[in-house]
Amino acid sequence: MRPFPLGPLYESQNRIHQEFLDFAEQWQRTRDGWRDEPARKFEQESLCDLAPTLTRVAAAMQNFADACRLSDQLLLDPDQNEGA
């Protein structure tokens, strides 16, 4: 039995992280030149929850990867974690 392929999951995690960093940098440059009420409102209503949401997504992806690794271990050696 082949283990669950985690490479694509890790690639997705890295891509989400890098693209968020790129977005944050671009938003900072935009914000430096856009300092009015619509900018503040856009940031508050559209961007305020983005970082915490992405943090939760990253944690869920990590939990999924951990569960897949554990499942692979148990499938290869079911006696290894008796009582776990």
PDB file of N, CA and C in Angstrom:
ATOM      1  N   MET A   1       0.843  -1.179   0.000  1.00  0.00           N
ATOM      2  CA  MET A   1       0.000   0.000   0.000  1.00  0.00           C
ATOM      3  C   MET A   1       0.890   1.244   0.000  1.00  0.00           C
ATOM      4  N   ARG A   2       0.593   2.153  -0.891  1.00  0.00           N
ATOM      5  CA  ARG A   2       1.369   3.390  -0.985  1.00  0.00           C
ATOM      6  C   ARG A   2       0.823   4.414   0.001  1.00  0.00           C
ATOM      7  N   PRO A   3       1.710   5.210   0.593  1.00  0.00           N
ATOM      8  CA  PRO A   3       1.231   6.244   1.521  1.00  0.00           C
ATOM      9  C   PRO A   3       0.476   7.347   0.782  1.00  0.00           C
ATOM     10  N   PHE A   4      -0.353   8.024   1.520  1.00  0.00           N
ATOM     11  CA  PHE A   4      -1.104   9.155   0.975  1.00  0.00           C
ATOM     12  C   PHE A   4      -0.104  10.214   0.514  1.00  0.00           C
ATOM     13  N   PRO A   5      -0.235  10.729  -0.712  1.00  0.00           N
ATOM     14  CA  PRO A   5       0.733  11.717  -1.210  1.00  0.00           C
ATOM     15  C   PRO A   5       0.514  13.099  -0.578  1.00  0.00           C
ATOM     16  N   LEU A   6       1.410  13.468   0.312  1.00  0.00           N
ATOM     17  CA  LEU A   6       1.272  14.741   1.013  1.00  0.00           C
ATOM     18  C   LEU A   6       1.944  15.899   0.288  1.00  0.00           C
ATOM     19  N   GLY A   7       2.752  15.609  -0.719  1.00  0.00           N
ATOM     20  CA  GLY A   7       3.448  16.678  -1.449  1.00  0.00           C
ATOM     21  C   GLY A   7       2.531  17.781  -1.937  1.00  0.00           C
ATOM     22  N   PRO A   8       1.442  17.444  -2.639  1.00  0.00           N
ATOM     23  CA  PRO A   8       0.545  18.499  -3.117  1.00  0.00           C
ATOM     24  C   PRO A   8      -0.056  19.329  -1.975  1.00  0.00           C
ATOM     25  N   LEU A   9      -0.325  18.689  -0.846  1.00  0.00           N
ATOM     26  CA  LEU A   9      -0.868  19.421   0.300  1.00  0.00           C
ATOM     27  C   LEU A   9       0.156  20.426   0.824  1.00  0.00           C
ATOM     28  N   TYR A  10       1.402  19.973   0.969  1.00  0.00           N
ATOM     29  CA  TYR A  10       2.452  20.872   1.445  1.00  0.00           C
ATOM     30  C   TYR A  10       2.713  21.996   0.441  1.00  0.00           C
ATOM     31  N   GLU A  11       2.661  21.674  -0.849  1.00  0.00           N
ATOM     32  CA  GLU A  11       2.833  22.702  -1.876  1.00  0.00           C
ATOM     33  C   GLU A  11       1.719  23.744  -1.774  1.00  0.00           C
ATOM     34  N   SER A  12       0.499  23.285  -1.520  1.00  0.00           N
ATOM     35  CA  SER A  12      -0.630  24.214  -1.374  1.00  0.00           C
ATOM     36  C   SER A  12      -0.456  25.100  -0.148  1.00  0.00           C
ATOM     37  N   GLN A  13      -0.011  24.514   0.951  1.00  0.00           N
ATOM     38  CA  GLN A  13       0.239  25.302   2.166  1.00  0.00           C
ATOM     39  C   GLN A  13       1.267  26.387   1.873  1.00  0.00           C
ATOM     40  N   ASN A  14       2.358  26.003   1.240  1.00  0.00           N
ATOM     41  CA  ASN A  14       3.417  26.973   0.938  1.00  0.00           C
ATOM     42  C   ASN A  14       2.929  28.049  -0.012  1.00  0.00           C
ATOM     43  N   ARG A  15       2.141  27.650  -0.990  1.00  0.00           N
ATOM     44  CA  ARG A  15       1.641  28.626  -1.961  1.00  0.00           C
ATOM     45  C   ARG A  15       0.691  29.622  -1.287  1.00  0.00           C
ATOM     46  N   ILE A  16      -0.215  29.130  -0.466  1.00  0.00           N
ATOM     47  CA  ILE A  16      -1.133  30.034   0.247  1.00  0.00           C
ATOM     48  C   ILE A  16      -0.342  31.010   1.101  1.00  0.00           C
ATOM     49  N   HIS A  17       0.648  30.496   1.813  1.00  0.00           N
ATOM     50  CA  HIS A  17       1.465  31.357   2.678  1.00  0.00           C
ATOM     51  C   HIS A  17       2.198  32.427   1.857  1.00  0.00           C
ATOM     52  N   GLN A  18       2.855  32.013   0.776  1.00  0.00           N
ATOM     53  CA  GLN A  18       3.614  32.964  -0.032  1.00  0.00           C
ATOM     54  C   GLN A  18       2.707  33.987  -0.706  1.00  0.00           C
ATOM     55  N   GLU A  19       1.576  33.535  -1.203  1.00  0.00           N
ATOM     56  CA  GLU A  19       0.675  34.469  -1.870  1.00  0.00           C
ATOM     57  C   GLU A  19       0.058  35.455  -0.881  1.00  0.00           C
ATOM     58  N   PHE A  20      -0.174  35.019   0.343  1.00  0.00           N
ATOM     59  CA  PHE A  20      -0.660  35.958   1.353  1.00  0.00           C
ATOM     60  C   PHE A  20       0.411  37.001   1.664  1.00  0.00           C
ATOM     61  N   LEU A  21       1.677  36.565   1.787  1.00  0.00           N
ATOM     62  CA  LEU A  21       2.757  37.528   2.030  1.00  0.00           C
ATOM     63  C   LEU A  21       2.872  38.525   0.885  1.00  0.00           C
ATOM     64  N   ASP A  22       2.766  38.019  -0.348  1.00  0.00           N
ATOM     65  CA  ASP A  22       2.805  38.911  -1.518  1.00  0.00           C
ATOM     66  C   ASP A  22       1.639  39.890  -1.488  1.00  0.00           C
ATOM     67  N   PHE A  23       0.450  39.379  -1.167  1.00  0.00           N
ATOM     68  CA  PHE A  23      -0.732  40.237  -1.093  1.00  0.00           C
ATOM     69  C   PHE A  23      -0.567  41.304  -0.007  1.00  0.00           C
ATOM     70  N   ALA A  24      -0.082  40.896   1.164  1.00  0.00           N
ATOM     71  CA  ALA A  24       0.095  41.846   2.274  1.00  0.00           C
ATOM     72  C   ALA A  24       1.067  42.951   1.887  1.00  0.00           C
ATOM     73  N   GLU A  25       2.134  42.580   1.194  1.00  0.00           N
ATOM     74  CA  GLU A  25       3.107  43.588   0.745  1.00  0.00           C
ATOM     75  C   GLU A  25       2.466  44.549  -0.253  1.00  0.00           C
ATOM     76  N   GLN A  26       1.710  44.010  -1.205  1.00  0.00           N
ATOM     77  CA  GLN A  26       1.037  44.859  -2.187  1.00  0.00           C
ATOM     78  C   GLN A  26      -0.010  45.754  -1.519  1.00  0.00           C
ATOM     79  N   TRP A  27      -0.743  45.201  -0.566  1.00  0.00           N
ATOM     80  CA  TRP A  27      -1.744  46.011   0.125  1.00  0.00           C
ATOM     81  C   TRP A  27      -1.068  47.144   0.891  1.00  0.00           C
ATOM     82  N   GLN A  28       0.065  46.892   1.497  1.00  0.00           N
ATOM     83  CA  GLN A  28       0.773  47.935   2.236  1.00  0.00           C
ATOM     84  C   GLN A  28       1.169  49.072   1.296  1.00  0.00           C
ATOM     85  N   ARG A  29       1.668  48.719   0.113  1.00  0.00           N
ATOM     86  CA  ARG A  29       2.026  49.763  -0.866  1.00  0.00           C
ATOM     87  C   ARG A  29       0.789  50.540  -1.300  1.00  0.00           C
ATOM     88  N   THR A  30      -0.311  49.833  -1.522  1.00  0.00           N
ATOM     89  CA  THR A  30      -1.552  50.498  -1.921  1.00  0.00           C
ATOM     90  C   THR A  30      -2.049  51.402  -0.804  1.00  0.00           C
ATOM     91  N   ARG A  31      -1.999  50.897   0.406  1.00  0.00           N
ATOM     92  CA  ARG A  31      -2.487  51.643   1.562  1.00  0.00           C
ATOM     93  C   ARG A  31      -1.680  52.918   1.801  1.00  0.00           C
ATOM     94  N   ASP A  32      -0.390  52.863   1.505  1.00  0.00           N
ATOM     95  CA  ASP A  32       0.452  54.051   1.676  1.00  0.00           C
ATOM     96  C   ASP A  32      -0.033  55.218   0.816  1.00  0.00           C
ATOM     97  N   GLY A  33      -0.636  54.909  -0.336  1.00  0.00           N
ATOM     98  CA  GLY A  33      -1.124  55.969  -1.209  1.00  0.00           C
ATOM     99  C   GLY A  33      -2.634  56.169  -1.157  1.00  0.00           C
ATOM    100  N   TRP A  34      -3.317  55.356  -0.419  1.00  0.00           N
ATOM    101  CA  TRP A  34      -4.781  55.407  -0.361  1.00  0.00           C
ATOM    102  C   TRP A  34      -5.190  55.575   1.097  1.00  0.00           C
ATOM    103  N   ARG A  35      -5.253  56.824   1.507  1.00  0.00           N
ATOM    104  CA  ARG A  35      -5.501  57.116   2.926  1.00  0.00           C
ATOM    105  C   ARG A  35      -6.776  57.941   3.094  1.00  0.00           C
ATOM    106  N   ASP A  36      -7.900  57.319   2.852  1.00  0.00           N
ATOM    107  CA  ASP A  36      -9.169  58.015   3.049  1.00  0.00           C
ATOM    108  C   ASP A  36     -10.170  57.054   3.681  1.00  0.00           C
ATOM    109  N   GLU A  37     -11.373  57.530   3.855  1.00  0.00           N
ATOM    110  CA  GLU A  37     -12.405  56.718   4.504  1.00  0.00           C
ATOM    111  C   GLU A  37     -12.758  55.453   3.713  1.00  0.00           C
ATOM    112  N   PRO A  38     -12.899  55.526   2.389  1.00  0.00           N
ATOM    113  CA  PRO A  38     -13.167  54.279   1.651  1.00  0.00           C
ATOM    114  C   PRO A  38     -12.054  53.233   1.831  1.00  0.00           C
ATOM    115  N   ALA A  39     -10.820  53.676   1.918  1.00  0.00           N
ATOM    116  CA  ALA A  39      -9.708  52.740   2.141  1.00  0.00           C
ATOM    117  C   ALA A  39      -9.837  52.085   3.511  1.00  0.00           C
ATOM    118  N   ARG A  40     -10.108  52.888   4.513  1.00  0.00           N
ATOM    119  CA  ARG A  40     -10.263  52.353   5.868  1.00  0.00           C
ATOM    120  C   ARG A  40     -11.431  51.378   5.928  1.00  0.00           C
ATOM    121  N   LYS A  41     -12.525  51.749   5.279  1.00  0.00           N
ATOM    122  CA  LYS A  41     -13.710  50.898   5.280  1.00  0.00           C
ATOM    123  C   LYS A  41     -13.433  49.584   4.540  1.00  0.00           C
ATOM    124  N   PHE A  42     -12.752  49.661   3.400  1.00  0.00           N
ATOM    125  CA  PHE A  42     -12.400  48.457   2.649  1.00  0.00           C
ATOM    126  C   PHE A  42     -11.530  47.536   3.493  1.00  0.00           C
ATOM    127  N   GLU A  43     -10.533  48.095   4.149  1.00  0.00           N
ATOM    128  CA  GLU A  43      -9.649  47.283   4.976  1.00  0.00           C
ATOM    129  C   GLU A  43     -10.427  46.638   6.126  1.00  0.00           C
ATOM    130  N   GLN A  44     -11.268  47.401   6.768  1.00  0.00           N
ATOM    131  CA  GLN A  44     -12.039  46.897   7.905  1.00  0.00           C
ATOM    132  C   GLN A  44     -13.025  45.815   7.483  1.00  0.00           C
ATOM    133  N   GLU A  45     -13.750  46.055   6.401  1.00  0.00           N
ATOM    134  CA  GLU A  45     -14.807  45.130   5.999  1.00  0.00           C
ATOM    135  C   GLU A  45     -14.309  43.942   5.183  1.00  0.00           C
ATOM    136  N   SER A  46     -13.246  44.124   4.424  1.00  0.00           N
ATOM    137  CA  SER A  46     -12.822  43.077   3.491  1.00  0.00           C
ATOM    138  C   SER A  46     -11.537  42.363   3.879  1.00  0.00           C
ATOM    139  N   LEU A  47     -10.666  43.029   4.604  1.00  0.00           N
ATOM    140  CA  LEU A  47      -9.356  42.445   4.858  1.00  0.00           C
ATOM    141  C   LEU A  47      -9.090  42.092   6.313  1.00  0.00           C
ATOM    142  N   CYS A  48      -9.843  42.655   7.200  1.00  0.00           N
ATOM    143  CA  CYS A  48      -9.594  42.486   8.632  1.00  0.00           C
ATOM    144  C   CYS A  48      -9.547  41.015   9.058  1.00  0.00           C
ATOM    145  N   ASP A  49     -10.430  40.205   8.521  1.00  0.00           N
ATOM    146  CA  ASP A  49     -10.520  38.801   8.931  1.00  0.00           C
ATOM    147  C   ASP A  49      -9.670  37.863   8.084  1.00  0.00           C
ATOM    148  N   LEU A  50      -8.987  38.398   7.083  1.00  0.00           N
ATOM    149  CA  LEU A  50      -8.254  37.536   6.162  1.00  0.00           C
ATOM    150  C   LEU A  50      -7.113  36.777   6.840  1.00  0.00           C
ATOM    151  N   ALA A  51      -6.256  37.452   7.573  1.00  0.00           N
ATOM    152  CA  ALA A  51      -5.116  36.781   8.222  1.00  0.00           C
ATOM    153  C   ALA A  51      -5.577  35.715   9.222  1.00  0.00           C
ATOM    154  N   PRO A  52      -6.517  36.025  10.117  1.00  0.00           N
ATOM    155  CA  PRO A  52      -6.973  34.969  11.034  1.00  0.00           C
ATOM    156  C   PRO A  52      -7.616  33.784  10.311  1.00  0.00           C
ATOM    157  N   THR A  53      -8.342  34.050   9.238  1.00  0.00           N
ATOM    158  CA  THR A  53      -8.960  32.968   8.475  1.00  0.00           C
ATOM    159  C   THR A  53      -7.886  32.091   7.840  1.00  0.00           C
ATOM    160  N   LEU A  54      -6.878  32.714   7.251  1.00  0.00           N
ATOM    161  CA  LEU A  54      -5.798  31.937   6.640  1.00  0.00           C
ATOM    162  C   LEU A  54      -5.015  31.158   7.687  1.00  0.00           C
ATOM    163  N   THR A  55      -4.890  31.690   8.880  1.00  0.00           N
ATOM    164  CA  THR A  55      -4.231  30.960   9.962  1.00  0.00           C
ATOM    165  C   THR A  55      -5.027  29.710  10.313  1.00  0.00           C
ATOM    166  N   ARG A  56      -6.341  29.831  10.367  1.00  0.00           N
ATOM    167  CA  ARG A  56      -7.190  28.665  10.644  1.00  0.00           C
ATOM    168  C   ARG A  56      -7.115  27.646   9.514  1.00  0.00           C
ATOM    169  N   VAL A  57      -7.084  28.124   8.275  1.00  0.00           N
ATOM    170  CA  VAL A  57      -6.963  27.216   7.131  1.00  0.00           C
ATOM    171  C   VAL A  57      -5.639  26.470   7.196  1.00  0.00           C
ATOM    172  N   ALA A  58      -4.553  27.180   7.487  1.00  0.00           N
ATOM    173  CA  ALA A  58      -3.233  26.543   7.584  1.00  0.00           C
ATOM    174  C   ALA A  58      -3.224  25.493   8.691  1.00  0.00           C
ATOM    175  N   ALA A  59      -3.844  25.792   9.817  1.00  0.00           N
ATOM    176  CA  ALA A  59      -3.901  24.829  10.923  1.00  0.00           C
ATOM    177  C   ALA A  59      -4.722  23.603  10.524  1.00  0.00           C
ATOM    178  N   ALA A  60      -5.822  23.816   9.824  1.00  0.00           N
ATOM    179  CA  ALA A  60      -6.648  22.686   9.384  1.00  0.00           C
ATOM    180  C   ALA A  60      -5.892  21.824   8.381  1.00  0.00           C
ATOM    181  N   MET A  61      -5.158  22.453   7.480  1.00  0.00           N
ATOM    182  CA  MET A  61      -4.364  21.694   6.514  1.00  0.00           C
ATOM    183  C   MET A  61      -3.284  20.878   7.222  1.00  0.00           C
ATOM    184  N   GLN A  62      -2.673  21.462   8.247  1.00  0.00           N
ATOM    185  CA  GLN A  62      -1.649  20.739   8.999  1.00  0.00           C
ATOM    186  C   GLN A  62      -2.267  19.565   9.758  1.00  0.00           C
ATOM    187  N   ASN A  63      -3.425  19.777  10.359  1.00  0.00           N
ATOM    188  CA  ASN A  63      -4.123  18.689  11.055  1.00  0.00           C
ATOM    189  C   ASN A  63      -4.471  17.562  10.085  1.00  0.00           C
ATOM    190  N   PHE A  64      -4.896  17.922   8.888  1.00  0.00           N
ATOM    191  CA  PHE A  64      -5.213  16.924   7.875  1.00  0.00           C
ATOM    192  C   PHE A  64      -3.965  16.127   7.491  1.00  0.00           C
ATOM    193  N   ALA A  65      -2.852  16.828   7.277  1.00  0.00           N
ATOM    194  CA  ALA A  65      -1.596  16.153   6.937  1.00  0.00           C
ATOM    195  C   ALA A  65      -1.166  15.214   8.063  1.00  0.00           C
ATOM    196  N   ASP A  66      -1.290  15.680   9.294  1.00  0.00           N
ATOM    197  CA  ASP A  66      -0.930  14.841  10.445  1.00  0.00           C
ATOM    198  C   ASP A  66      -1.815  13.591  10.507  1.00  0.00           C
ATOM    199  N   ALA A  67      -3.111  13.762  10.267  1.00  0.00           N
ATOM    200  CA  ALA A  67      -4.040  12.632  10.289  1.00  0.00           C
ATOM    201  C   ALA A  67      -3.717  11.644   9.163  1.00  0.00           C
ATOM    202  N   CYS A  68      -3.345  12.153   8.007  1.00  0.00           N
ATOM    203  CA  CYS A  68      -2.969  11.272   6.887  1.00  0.00           C
ATOM    204  C   CYS A  68      -1.706  10.495   7.218  1.00  0.00           C
ATOM    205  N   ARG A  69      -0.723  11.163   7.806  1.00  0.00           N
ATOM    206  CA  ARG A  69       0.514  10.475   8.193  1.00  0.00           C
ATOM    207  C   ARG A  69       0.226   9.378   9.215  1.00  0.00           C
ATOM    208  N   LEU A  70      -0.580   9.689  10.217  1.00  0.00           N
ATOM    209  CA  LEU A  70      -0.932   8.710  11.237  1.00  0.00           C
ATOM    210  C   LEU A  70      -1.708   7.542  10.623  1.00  0.00           C
ATOM    211  N   SER A  71      -2.634   7.843   9.733  1.00  0.00           N
ATOM    212  CA  SER A  71      -3.402   6.787   9.061  1.00  0.00           C
ATOM    213  C   SER A  71      -2.476   5.875   8.270  1.00  0.00           C
ATOM    214  N   ASP A  72      -1.521   6.479   7.567  1.00  0.00           N
ATOM    215  CA  ASP A  72      -0.552   5.673   6.821  1.00  0.00           C
ATOM    216  C   ASP A  72       0.230   4.757   7.758  1.00  0.00           C
ATOM    217  N   GLN A  73       0.661   5.285   8.881  1.00  0.00           N
ATOM    218  CA  GLN A  73       1.412   4.477   9.845  1.00  0.00           C
ATOM    219  C   GLN A  73       0.568   3.320  10.367  1.00  0.00           C
ATOM    220  N   LEU A  74      -0.667   3.605  10.690  1.00  0.00           N
ATOM    221  CA  LEU A  74      -1.552   2.564  11.222  1.00  0.00           C
ATOM    222  C   LEU A  74      -1.886   1.506  10.172  1.00  0.00           C
ATOM    223  N   LEU A  75      -2.015   1.924   8.922  1.00  0.00           N
ATOM    224  CA  LEU A  75      -2.294   0.958   7.868  1.00  0.00           C
ATOM    225  C   LEU A  75      -1.088   0.054   7.604  1.00  0.00           C
ATOM    226  N   LEU A  76       0.106   0.621   7.751  1.00  0.00           N
ATOM    227  CA  LEU A  76       1.323  -0.183   7.546  1.00  0.00           C
ATOM    228  C   LEU A  76       1.587  -1.124   8.712  1.00  0.00           C
ATOM    229  N   ASP A  77       1.266  -0.654   9.925  1.00  0.00           N
ATOM    230  CA  ASP A  77       1.527  -1.460  11.115  1.00  0.00           C
ATOM    231  C   ASP A  77       0.401  -1.221  12.121  1.00  0.00           C
ATOM    232  N   PRO A  78      -0.720  -1.912  11.980  1.00  0.00           N
ATOM    233  CA  PRO A  78      -1.879  -1.684  12.848  1.00  0.00           C
ATOM    234  C   PRO A  78      -1.597  -1.931  14.325  1.00  0.00           C
ATOM    235  N   ASP A  79      -0.646  -2.804  14.630  1.00  0.00           N
ATOM    236  CA  ASP A  79      -0.334  -3.106  16.031  1.00  0.00           C
ATOM    237  C   ASP A  79       0.520  -2.030  16.691  1.00  0.00           C
ATOM    238  N   GLN A  80       1.080  -1.173  15.895  1.00  0.00           N
ATOM    239  CA  GLN A  80       2.004  -0.157  16.400  1.00  0.00           C
ATOM    240  C   GLN A  80       1.368   0.784  17.412  1.00  0.00           C
ATOM    241  N   ASN A  81       0.114   1.109  17.226  1.00  0.00           N
ATOM    242  CA  ASN A  81      -0.551   2.089  18.096  1.00  0.00           C
ATOM    243  C   ASN A  81      -1.763   1.483  18.796  1.00  0.00           C
ATOM    244  N   GLU A  82      -1.658   0.265  19.267  1.00  0.00           N
ATOM    245  CA  GLU A  82      -2.785  -0.331  19.980  1.00  0.00           C
ATOM    246  C   GLU A  82      -3.126   0.497  21.205  1.00  0.00           C
ATOM    247  N   GLY A  83      -4.402   0.747  21.372  1.00  0.00           N
ATOM    248  CA  GLY A  83      -4.861   1.519  22.516  1.00  0.00           C
ATOM    249  C   GLY A  83      -4.763   3.019  22.320  1.00  0.00           C
ATOM    250  N   ALA A  84      -4.286   3.477  21.162  1.00  0.00           N
ATOM    251  CA  ALA A  84      -4.150   4.912  20.924  1.00  0.00           C
ATOM    252  C   ALA A  84      -5.476   5.512  20.552  1.00  0.00           C
TER     253      ALA A  84
END
